[in-house]
C-alpha atoms as a PDB file:
ATOM      1  CA  LEU A   1      -0.008  -0.001  -0.012  1.00  0.00           C
ATOM      2  CA  ILE A   2       1.348   3.380  -1.015  1.00  0.00           C
ATOM      3  CA  PHE A   3       0.376   6.537   0.812  1.00  0.00           C
ATOM      4  CA  GLU A   4       1.859   9.891  -0.306  1.00  0.00           C
ATOM      5  CA  GLY A   5       4.564   7.996  -2.158  1.00  0.00           C
ATOM      6  CA  VAL A   6       5.559   5.884   0.912  1.00  0.00           C
ATOM      7  CA  ASP A   7       5.059   2.148   1.221  1.00  0.00           C
ATOM      8  CA  ILE A   8       3.162   1.938   4.417  1.00  0.00           C
ATOM      9  CA  THR A   9       3.682  -1.808   4.685  1.00  0.00           C
ATOM     10  CA  ASP A  10       7.422  -1.254   5.021  1.00  0.00           C
ATOM     11  CA  LYS A  11       8.265  -1.654   8.724  1.00  0.00           C
ATOM     12  CA  LYS A  12      10.992   0.930   8.408  1.00  0.00           C
ATOM     13  CA  ASN A  13       8.443   3.666   8.008  1.00  0.00           C
ATOM     14  CA  ASP A  14       6.671   5.357  11.020  1.00  0.00           C
ATOM     15  CA  LEU A  15       3.155   4.062  10.626  1.00  0.00           C
ATOM     16  CA  PHE A  16       1.871   6.305  13.453  1.00  0.00           C
ATOM     17  CA  ALA A  17       3.232   9.492  11.799  1.00  0.00           C
ATOM     18  CA  MET A  18       1.516   8.507   8.610  1.00  0.00           C
ATOM     19  CA  ARG A  19      -1.768   7.747  10.415  1.00  0.00           C
ATOM     20  CA  GLU A  20      -1.847  11.349  11.615  1.00  0.00           C
ATOM     21  CA  LYS A  21      -2.238  12.402   8.007  1.00  0.00           C
ATOM     22  CA  MET A  22      -4.993   9.883   7.210  1.00  0.00           C
ATOM     23  CA  GLY A  23      -8.698   9.887   7.771  1.00  0.00           C
ATOM     24  CA  MET A  24     -11.620   7.677   7.070  1.00  0.00           C
ATOM     25  CA  VAL A  25     -14.922   8.207   5.367  1.00  0.00           C
ATOM     26  CA  PHE A  26     -17.417   5.620   6.500  1.00  0.00           C
ATOM     27  CA  GLN A  27     -19.881   4.213   3.998  1.00  0.00           C
ATOM     28  CA  GLN A  28     -22.436   3.715   6.754  1.00  0.00           C
ATOM     29  CA  PHE A  29     -23.700   5.876   9.555  1.00  0.00           C
ATOM     30  CA  ASN A  30     -21.084   5.456  12.214  1.00  0.00           C
ATOM     31  CA  LEU A  31     -21.649   8.217  14.790  1.00  0.00           C
ATOM     32  CA  PHE A  32     -22.252   7.537  18.448  1.00  0.00           C
ATOM     33  CA  PRO A  33     -25.994   8.085  18.870  1.00  0.00           C
ATOM     34  CA  ASN A  34     -25.696   9.180  22.532  1.00  0.00           C
ATOM     35  CA  MET A  35     -23.287  12.013  21.630  1.00  0.00           C
ATOM     36  CA  THR A  36     -23.894  15.268  19.814  1.00  0.00           C
ATOM     37  CA  VAL A  37     -22.410  15.980  16.394  1.00  0.00           C
ATOM     38  CA  MET A  38     -19.786  18.227  18.111  1.00  0.00           C
ATOM     39  CA  GLU A  39     -18.919  15.509  20.598  1.00  0.00           C
ATOM     40  CA  ASN A  40     -18.607  12.962  17.838  1.00  0.00           C
ATOM     41  CA  ILE A  41     -16.282  15.214  15.839  1.00  0.00           C
ATOM     42  CA  THR A  42     -14.079  16.194  18.761  1.00  0.00           C
ATOM     43  CA  LEU A  43     -13.703  12.827  20.352  1.00  0.00           C
ATOM     44  CA  SER A  44     -10.838  11.541  18.254  1.00  0.00           C
ATOM     45  CA  PRO A  45      -8.638  14.707  18.274  1.00  0.00           C
ATOM     46  CA  ILE A  46      -8.961  14.872  22.051  1.00  0.00           C
ATOM     47  CA  LYS A  47      -8.401  11.211  22.740  1.00  0.00           C
ATOM     48  CA  THR A  48      -5.809  10.276  20.090  1.00  0.00           C
ATOM     49  CA  LYS A  49      -3.886  13.577  19.522  1.00  0.00           C
ATOM     50  CA  GLY A  50      -4.232  15.053  22.969  1.00  0.00           C
ATOM     51  CA  GLU A  51      -5.772  18.219  21.677  1.00  0.00           C
ATOM     52  CA  SER A  52      -7.468  20.519  24.188  1.00  0.00           C
ATOM     53  CA  ARG A  53     -11.275  20.645  24.014  1.00  0.00           C
ATOM     54  CA  GLU A  54     -11.068  24.263  22.954  1.00  0.00           C
ATOM     55  CA  VAL A  55      -8.795  23.577  20.021  1.00  0.00           C
ATOM     56  CA  ALA A  56     -10.800  20.521  18.921  1.00  0.00           C
ATOM     57  CA  GLU A  57     -14.132  22.401  19.117  1.00  0.00           C
ATOM     58  CA  LYS A  58     -12.707  25.356  17.150  1.00  0.00           C
ATOM     59  CA  ARG A  59     -11.636  23.015  14.351  1.00  0.00           C
ATOM     60  CA  ALA A  60     -14.854  21.036  14.469  1.00  0.00           C
ATOM     61  CA  GLN A  61     -16.862  24.253  14.039  1.00  0.00           C
ATOM     62  CA  GLU A  62     -14.710  25.273  11.085  1.00  0.00           C
ATOM     63  CA  LEU A  63     -15.363  21.851   9.555  1.00  0.00           C
ATOM     64  CA  LEU A  64     -19.110  22.097  10.173  1.00  0.00           C
ATOM     65  CA  GLU A  65     -19.123  25.521   8.540  1.00  0.00           C
ATOM     66  CA  LYS A  66     -17.181  24.151   5.594  1.00  0.00           C
ATOM     67  CA  VAL A  67     -19.792  21.520   4.895  1.00  0.00           C
ATOM     68  CA  GLY A  68     -22.756  23.850   5.580  1.00  0.00           C
ATOM     69  CA  LEU A  69     -23.881  22.307   8.869  1.00  0.00           C
ATOM     70  CA  PRO A  70     -22.870  24.685  11.659  1.00  0.00           C
ATOM     71  CA  ASP A  71     -26.362  24.671  13.100  1.00  0.00           C
ATOM     72  CA  LYS A  72     -26.088  20.885  13.663  1.00  0.00           C
ATOM     73  CA  ALA A  73     -23.297  21.041  16.284  1.00  0.00           C
ATOM     74  CA  ASP A  74     -25.605  20.405  19.225  1.00  0.00           C
ATOM     75  CA  ALA A  75     -27.847  17.940  17.405  1.00  0.00           C
ATOM     76  CA  TYR A  76     -27.878  14.209  17.971  1.00  0.00           C
ATOM     77  CA  PRO A  77     -27.427  11.862  14.982  1.00  0.00           C
END
């Protein structure tokens, strides 16, 4: 598998560093139903990257605005 010109199956490469540049788009509805849209979006940056809640929420709001859904931040899926 090649990602950005790098063979990610080669054990010499830093897989964790590459994963920071990757994302996933699910083909099915995979949000936590007991969490708001904002909570779903900010969960990973806070837990995996150690971002502060403030930084994660600011970025999440920017992303929601980018896709035309800023009014859905407090909605449940």
